[in-house]
C-alpha atoms as a PDB file:
ATOM      1  CA  MET A   1     -11.157  21.109  -4.469  1.00  0.00           C
ATOM      2  CA  LYS A   2      -7.982  20.529  -5.463  1.00  0.00           C
ATOM      3  CA  THR A   3      -6.783  17.092  -6.933  1.00  0.00           C
ATOM      4  CA  SER A   4      -3.424  16.967  -7.597  1.00  0.00           C
ATOM      5  CA  THR A   5      -0.519  19.525  -7.188  1.00  0.00           C
ATOM      6  CA  THR A   6       2.794  20.605  -9.708  1.00  0.00           C
ATOM      7  CA  LEU A   7       4.302  22.184  -6.962  1.00  0.00           C
ATOM      8  CA  THR A   8       7.570  21.057  -6.323  1.00  0.00           C
ATOM      9  CA  ARG A   9       8.507  20.374  -2.647  1.00  0.00           C
ATOM     10  CA  GLN A  10      10.096  24.045  -2.677  1.00  0.00           C
ATOM     11  CA  GLN A  11       7.552  25.403  -3.977  1.00  0.00           C
ATOM     12  CA  LEU A  12       4.992  24.389  -1.685  1.00  0.00           C
ATOM     13  CA  GLU A  13       7.295  24.929   0.945  1.00  0.00           C
ATOM     14  CA  THR A  14       7.433  28.800   0.181  1.00  0.00           C
ATOM     15  CA  LYS A  15       3.855  28.665  -0.353  1.00  0.00           C
ATOM     16  CA  TRP A  16       2.495  27.220   2.596  1.00  0.00           C
ATOM     17  CA  GLY A  17       5.959  27.996   5.326  1.00  0.00           C
ATOM     18  CA  ASN A  18       3.728  30.360   6.866  1.00  0.00           C
ATOM     19  CA  ILE A  19       1.041  28.068   7.832  1.00  0.00           C
ATOM     20  CA  VAL A  20       2.958  25.002   8.989  1.00  0.00           C
ATOM     21  CA  ALA A  21       5.484  27.423  10.731  1.00  0.00           C
ATOM     22  CA  ALA A  22       2.806  28.792  12.642  1.00  0.00           C
ATOM     23  CA  SER A  23       1.784  25.233  13.910  1.00  0.00           C
ATOM     24  CA  GLY A  24       5.491  24.637  14.984  1.00  0.00           C
ATOM     25  CA  TYR A  25       4.240  24.694  18.636  1.00  0.00           C
ATOM     26  CA  ILE A  26       2.699  21.017  17.716  1.00  0.00           C
ATOM     27  CA  PHE A  27       4.534  17.850  17.413  1.00  0.00           C
ATOM     28  CA  SER A  28       4.617  15.925  14.572  1.00  0.00           C
ATOM     29  CA  TRP A  29       6.891  13.123  12.680  1.00  0.00           C
ATOM     30  CA  THR A  30       5.636  14.667   9.647  1.00  0.00           C
ATOM     31  CA  GLU A  31       8.092  16.332   7.605  1.00  0.00           C
ATOM     32  CA  ARG A  32       7.433  20.040   6.783  1.00  0.00           C
ATOM     33  CA  CYS A  33       7.621  19.628   3.248  1.00  0.00           C
ATOM     34  CA  ASN A  34       4.777  16.799   3.836  1.00  0.00           C
ATOM     35  CA  LEU A  35       2.902  19.721   6.184  1.00  0.00           C
ATOM     36  CA  ALA A  36       2.985  21.693   2.930  1.00  0.00           C
ATOM     37  CA  TYR A  37       1.312  19.140   0.307  1.00  0.00           C
ATOM     38  CA  LEU A  38      -1.316  18.970   3.369  1.00  0.00           C
ATOM     39  CA  ALA A  39      -2.215  22.651   3.666  1.00  0.00           C
ATOM     40  CA  GLU A  40      -1.775  22.693  -0.632  1.00  0.00           C
ATOM     41  CA  MET A  41      -4.305  19.496  -0.938  1.00  0.00           C
ATOM     42  CA  ALA A  42      -6.824  20.631   2.109  1.00  0.00           C
ATOM     43  CA  SER A  43      -7.019  24.496   0.403  1.00  0.00           C
ATOM     44  CA  GLY A  44     -10.120  25.017  -0.460  1.00  0.00           C
ATOM     45  CA  GLY A  45     -11.665  21.946  -0.062  1.00  0.00           C
ATOM     46  CA  LYS A  46     -14.903  21.733   2.219  1.00  0.00           C
ATOM     47  CA  THR A  47     -14.658  18.602   4.176  1.00  0.00           C
ATOM     48  CA  VAL A  48     -11.196  16.621   5.722  1.00  0.00           C
ATOM     49  CA  VAL A  49     -11.345  13.516   7.545  1.00  0.00           C
ATOM     50  CA  GLU A  50      -7.484  12.850   8.471  1.00  0.00           C
ATOM     51  CA  CYS A  51      -7.160   9.369  10.791  1.00  0.00           C
ATOM     52  CA  GLY A  52      -4.225   9.402  13.026  1.00  0.00           C
ATOM     53  CA  THR A  53      -4.637  13.185  14.516  1.00  0.00           C
ATOM     54  CA  TYR A  54      -2.242  12.242  17.075  1.00  0.00           C
ATOM     55  CA  MET A  55      -1.975  15.908  18.867  1.00  0.00           C
ATOM     56  CA  GLY A  56      -3.552  17.738  15.853  1.00  0.00           C
ATOM     57  CA  ARG A  57      -0.638  18.995  13.967  1.00  0.00           C
ATOM     58  CA  SER A  58      -1.499  18.190  10.150  1.00  0.00           C
ATOM     59  CA  ALA A  59      -5.138  19.085  11.564  1.00  0.00           C
ATOM     60  CA  LYS A  60      -4.216  22.795  12.310  1.00  0.00           C
ATOM     61  CA  VAL A  61      -2.441  23.087   9.163  1.00  0.00           C
ATOM     62  CA  MET A  62      -5.015  22.126   7.051  1.00  0.00           C
ATOM     63  CA  LEU A  63      -7.513  24.600   8.712  1.00  0.00           C
ATOM     64  CA  GLY A  64      -4.685  26.556   8.174  1.00  0.00           C
ATOM     65  CA  ALA A  65      -4.729  26.851   4.295  1.00  0.00           C
ATOM     66  CA  GLY A  66      -8.823  26.564   4.276  1.00  0.00           C
ATOM     67  CA  CYS A  67     -10.269  23.916   4.373  1.00  0.00           C
ATOM     68  CA  GLY A  68     -13.999  23.926   5.864  1.00  0.00           C
ATOM     69  CA  LYS A  69     -14.133  21.418   8.061  1.00  0.00           C
ATOM     70  CA  ILE A  70     -12.114  18.214   9.214  1.00  0.00           C
ATOM     71  CA  TYR A  71     -13.111  15.236  10.965  1.00  0.00           C
ATOM     72  CA  CYS A  72      -9.699  13.670  12.686  1.00  0.00           C
ATOM     73  CA  VAL A  73      -9.799  10.204  13.549  1.00  0.00           C
ATOM     74  CA  ASP A  74      -7.773   8.824  16.070  1.00  0.00           C
ATOM     75  CA  THR A  75      -7.996   6.344  19.414  1.00  0.00           C
ATOM     76  CA  PHE A  76      -5.388   8.217  20.892  1.00  0.00           C
ATOM     77  CA  GLY A  77      -4.052   5.696  22.529  1.00  0.00           C
ATOM     78  CA  VAL A  78      -0.514   7.639  23.932  1.00  0.00           C
ATOM     79  CA  VAL A  79      -1.710   9.015  27.361  1.00  0.00           C
ATOM     80  CA  GLY A  80      -1.604  12.690  26.965  1.00  0.00           C
ATOM     81  CA  THR A  81      -2.851  12.758  22.950  1.00  0.00           C
ATOM     82  CA  TYR A  82      -6.549  13.097  23.463  1.00  0.00           C
ATOM     83  CA  GLU A  83      -6.584  16.227  25.772  1.00  0.00           C
ATOM     84  CA  CYS A  84      -3.499  17.708  24.269  1.00  0.00           C
ATOM     85  CA  CYS A  85      -5.238  17.661  20.993  1.00  0.00           C
ATOM     86  CA  ARG A  86      -8.648  19.001  22.431  1.00  0.00           C
ATOM     87  CA  TYR A  87      -6.350  21.812  23.579  1.00  0.00           C
ATOM     88  CA  PHE A  88      -4.115  23.243  20.499  1.00  0.00           C
ATOM     89  CA  MET A  89      -7.552  22.554  18.385  1.00  0.00           C
ATOM     90  CA  ARG A  90     -10.184  24.007  20.854  1.00  0.00           C
ATOM     91  CA  GLU A  91     -10.466  27.586  19.250  1.00  0.00           C
ATOM     92  CA  GLU A  92     -11.585  25.306  15.559  1.00  0.00           C
ATOM     93  CA  ILE A  93     -13.521  23.009  17.541  1.00  0.00           C
ATOM     94  CA  GLU A  94     -15.719  25.828  19.785  1.00  0.00           C
ATOM     95  CA  LYS A  95     -16.153  26.986  15.515  1.00  0.00           C
ATOM     96  CA  GLY A  96     -17.493  24.149  14.679  1.00  0.00           C
ATOM     97  CA  ARG A  97     -14.774  23.497  11.538  1.00  0.00           C
ATOM     98  CA  CYS A  98     -13.096  20.505  13.317  1.00  0.00           C
ATOM     99  CA  GLU A  99     -14.805  17.083  15.350  1.00  0.00           C
ATOM    100  CA  LEU A 100     -12.427  14.740  16.645  1.00  0.00           C
ATOM    101  CA  LEU A 101     -13.784  11.191  16.425  1.00  0.00           C
ATOM    102  CA  LYS A 102     -11.393   8.855  19.686  1.00  0.00           C
ATOM    103  CA  MET A 103     -11.886   5.846  17.768  1.00  0.00           C
ATOM    104  CA  GLN A 104     -11.456   3.432  14.939  1.00  0.00           C
ATOM    105  CA  SER A 105     -11.242   4.290  11.568  1.00  0.00           C
ATOM    106  CA  ASP A 106     -13.729   1.242  10.628  1.00  0.00           C
ATOM    107  CA  GLU A 107     -16.249   2.729  13.249  1.00  0.00           C
ATOM    108  CA  ALA A 108     -15.469   6.525  12.056  1.00  0.00           C
ATOM    109  CA  GLY A 109     -16.717   5.264   8.586  1.00  0.00           C
ATOM    110  CA  ALA A 110     -19.655   3.379   9.613  1.00  0.00           C
ATOM    111  CA  LEU A 111     -20.405   7.345  11.689  1.00  0.00           C
ATOM    112  CA  LEU A 112     -20.085   9.616   8.834  1.00  0.00           C
ATOM    113  CA  ALA A 113     -21.245   7.209   6.214  1.00  0.00           C
ATOM    114  CA  ASP A 114     -24.713   7.219   8.311  1.00  0.00           C
ATOM    115  CA  LEU A 115     -24.245  11.707   8.459  1.00  0.00           C
ATOM    116  CA  GLY A 116     -23.873  11.925   4.577  1.00  0.00           C
ATOM    117  CA  VAL A 117     -20.324  13.039   4.749  1.00  0.00           C
ATOM    118  CA  GLN A 118     -18.555  12.512   1.846  1.00  0.00           C
ATOM    119  CA  PRO A 119     -14.873  14.359   2.418  1.00  0.00           C
ATOM    120  CA  ASP A 120     -12.887  16.355  -0.711  1.00  0.00           C
ATOM    121  CA  PHE A 121      -9.880  15.117   1.001  1.00  0.00           C
ATOM    122  CA  ILE A 122      -8.642  12.227   3.269  1.00  0.00           C
ATOM    123  CA  PHE A 123      -5.484  11.831   4.831  1.00  0.00           C
ATOM    124  CA  VAL A 124      -4.135   8.470   6.395  1.00  0.00           C
ATOM    125  CA  ASP A 125      -1.456   8.623   8.992  1.00  0.00           C
ATOM    126  CA  ASP A 126      -2.669   6.041  11.166  1.00  0.00           C
ATOM    127  CA  GLY A 127      -1.298   2.852  12.762  1.00  0.00           C
ATOM    128  CA  HIS A 128       1.845   1.827  10.017  1.00  0.00           C
ATOM    129  CA  ALA A 129       1.261  -2.116  10.253  1.00  0.00           C
ATOM    130  CA  TYR A 130      -0.133  -4.107   7.506  1.00  0.00           C
ATOM    131  CA  GLU A 131      -3.198  -4.708   9.061  1.00  0.00           C
ATOM    132  CA  ASP A 132      -3.520  -0.794  10.107  1.00  0.00           C
ATOM    133  CA  ALA A 133      -3.135   0.699   6.353  1.00  0.00           C
ATOM    134  CA  ILE A 134      -5.566  -1.993   5.009  1.00  0.00           C
ATOM    135  CA  ARG A 135      -8.383  -1.312   7.911  1.00  0.00           C
ATOM    136  CA  ASP A 136      -8.175   2.476   7.318  1.00  0.00           C
ATOM    137  CA  ILE A 137      -7.889   2.804   3.680  1.00  0.00           C
ATOM    138  CA  LYS A 138     -10.827   0.449   3.704  1.00  0.00           C
ATOM    139  CA  ALA A 139     -13.088   1.989   6.000  1.00  0.00           C
ATOM    140  CA  LEU A 140     -12.496   5.304   4.408  1.00  0.00           C
ATOM    141  CA  PHE A 141     -12.029   5.296   0.610  1.00  0.00           C
ATOM    142  CA  PRO A 142     -16.144   4.387  -0.045  1.00  0.00           C
ATOM    143  CA  ILE A 143     -16.830   7.867   1.745  1.00  0.00           C
ATOM    144  CA  LEU A 144     -14.749   9.746  -0.139  1.00  0.00           C
ATOM    145  CA  LYS A 145     -16.512  11.715  -3.210  1.00  0.00           C
ATOM    146  CA  ILE A 146     -15.728  10.778  -6.536  1.00  0.00           C
ATOM    147  CA  GLY A 147     -12.923  12.747  -7.594  1.00  0.00           C
ATOM    148  CA  GLY A 148     -11.968  13.439  -4.092  1.00  0.00           C
ATOM    149  CA  THR A 149      -8.072  12.592  -3.001  1.00  0.00           C
ATOM    150  CA  ILE A 150      -6.838  10.267  -0.903  1.00  0.00           C
ATOM    151  CA  CYS A 151      -3.394   9.898   0.767  1.00  0.00           C
ATOM    152  CA  GLY A 152      -1.388   8.907   3.527  1.00  0.00           C
ATOM    153  CA  HIS A 153       2.478   8.996   5.002  1.00  0.00           C
ATOM    154  CA  ASP A 154       4.601   6.510   5.241  1.00  0.00           C
ATOM    155  CA  TYR A 155       5.216   5.649   2.043  1.00  0.00           C
ATOM    156  CA  ASP A 156       8.507   4.095   2.211  1.00  0.00           C
ATOM    157  CA  ALA A 157      10.208   1.164  -0.339  1.00  0.00           C
ATOM    158  CA  GLY A 158       9.070  -2.537   1.244  1.00  0.00           C
ATOM    159  CA  SER A 159       7.148  -1.083   4.388  1.00  0.00           C
ATOM    160  CA  ALA A 160       4.027  -2.522   5.415  1.00  0.00           C
ATOM    161  CA  VAL A 161       2.624   0.939   4.520  1.00  0.00           C
ATOM    162  CA  ALA A 162       3.534   0.683   0.718  1.00  0.00           C
ATOM    163  CA  LYS A 163       2.886  -2.923   0.647  1.00  0.00           C
ATOM    164  CA  ALA A 164      -1.249  -2.204   1.433  1.00  0.00           C
ATOM    165  CA  VAL A 165      -1.400   0.798  -0.480  1.00  0.00           C
ATOM    166  CA  ASP A 166      -0.296  -1.140  -3.383  1.00  0.00           C
ATOM    167  CA  GLU A 167      -2.594  -3.894  -3.229  1.00  0.00           C
ATOM    168  CA  LEU A 168      -5.092  -2.199  -2.456  1.00  0.00           C
ATOM    169  CA  LEU A 169      -4.467   0.722  -4.741  1.00  0.00           C
ATOM    170  CA  PRO A 170      -2.518   0.007  -7.618  1.00  0.00           C
ATOM    171  CA  GLY A 171      -3.099   3.284  -9.261  1.00  0.00           C
ATOM    172  CA  ARG A 172      -2.375   5.623  -6.677  1.00  0.00           C
ATOM    173  CA  HIS A 173       1.396   7.536  -7.289  1.00  0.00           C
ATOM    174  CA  LEU A 174       4.051   9.569  -5.223  1.00  0.00           C
ATOM    175  CA  PRO A 175       3.330  13.099  -5.460  1.00  0.00           C
ATOM    176  CA  VAL A 176       6.473  14.052  -2.697  1.00  0.00           C
ATOM    177  CA  TRP A 177       8.256  12.201  -0.538  1.00  0.00           C
ATOM    178  CA  ARG A 178       6.692   9.963   1.722  1.00  0.00           C
ATOM    179  CA  ILE A 179       3.270  10.359   0.479  1.00  0.00           C
ATOM    180  CA  TRP A 180       1.349   8.359  -1.616  1.00  0.00           C
ATOM    181  CA  ALA A 181      -1.914   9.644  -3.372  1.00  0.00           C
ATOM    182  CA  LEU A 182      -5.102   8.940  -5.443  1.00  0.00           C
ATOM    183  CA  VAL A 183      -8.009  10.716  -6.743  1.00  0.00           C
ATOM    184  CA  LYS A 184     -11.470   8.689  -6.687  1.00  0.00           C
ATOM    185  CA  GLU A 185     -12.705   7.905 -10.208  1.00  0.00           C
ATOM    186  CA  ALA A 186     -14.934   5.148  -8.859  1.00  0.00           C
ATOM    187  CA  GLU A 187     -15.710   2.484  -6.260  1.00  0.00           C
ATOM    188  CA  ALA A 188     -13.342   0.449  -4.160  1.00  0.00           C
ATOM    189  CA  PRO A 189     -11.449  -2.514  -6.863  1.00  0.00           C
ATOM    190  CA  TRP A 190     -12.710  -4.749  -3.340  1.00  0.00           C
ATOM    191  CA  GLU A 191     -16.362  -3.404  -3.017  1.00  0.00           C
END
């Protein structure tokens, strides 16, 4: 399991370009360089949790990079996204490498904790309101194994996501454009 990367944006895109391109038929707002970063971080990981799956492109990339299993957490509130995601991830679901959890992050965090799931890597890209980001981080950080990495998308200066991340995870770093990340070294400071 990787906890960080020293690769540049260009190196990430070169290394993972084929995996990212192979998922190009699935719509996503996540930029290619960010998808390449997710591939790098998920590669070699046993278990990944993604919060905010939408139609499944980033999940497809992380599985393509070699993570063992991914739990995709999303309410799938946009009409048709659940069905699209199930279709795009059908092979991975059939092989037991992907589970779609149609619920909020707090419900998913409790369920995964009850199942004893301790992911190596968590990617947060669900609601972008301050309250959503707070809920998602607080719900999932506790199940992340010590030494694992939590990261998220849409970190823009002055945004609601940035405010929530900076308040909850002051030790975070910004490994690539619009991505925040933190290696879990101890239990959450708010617990």
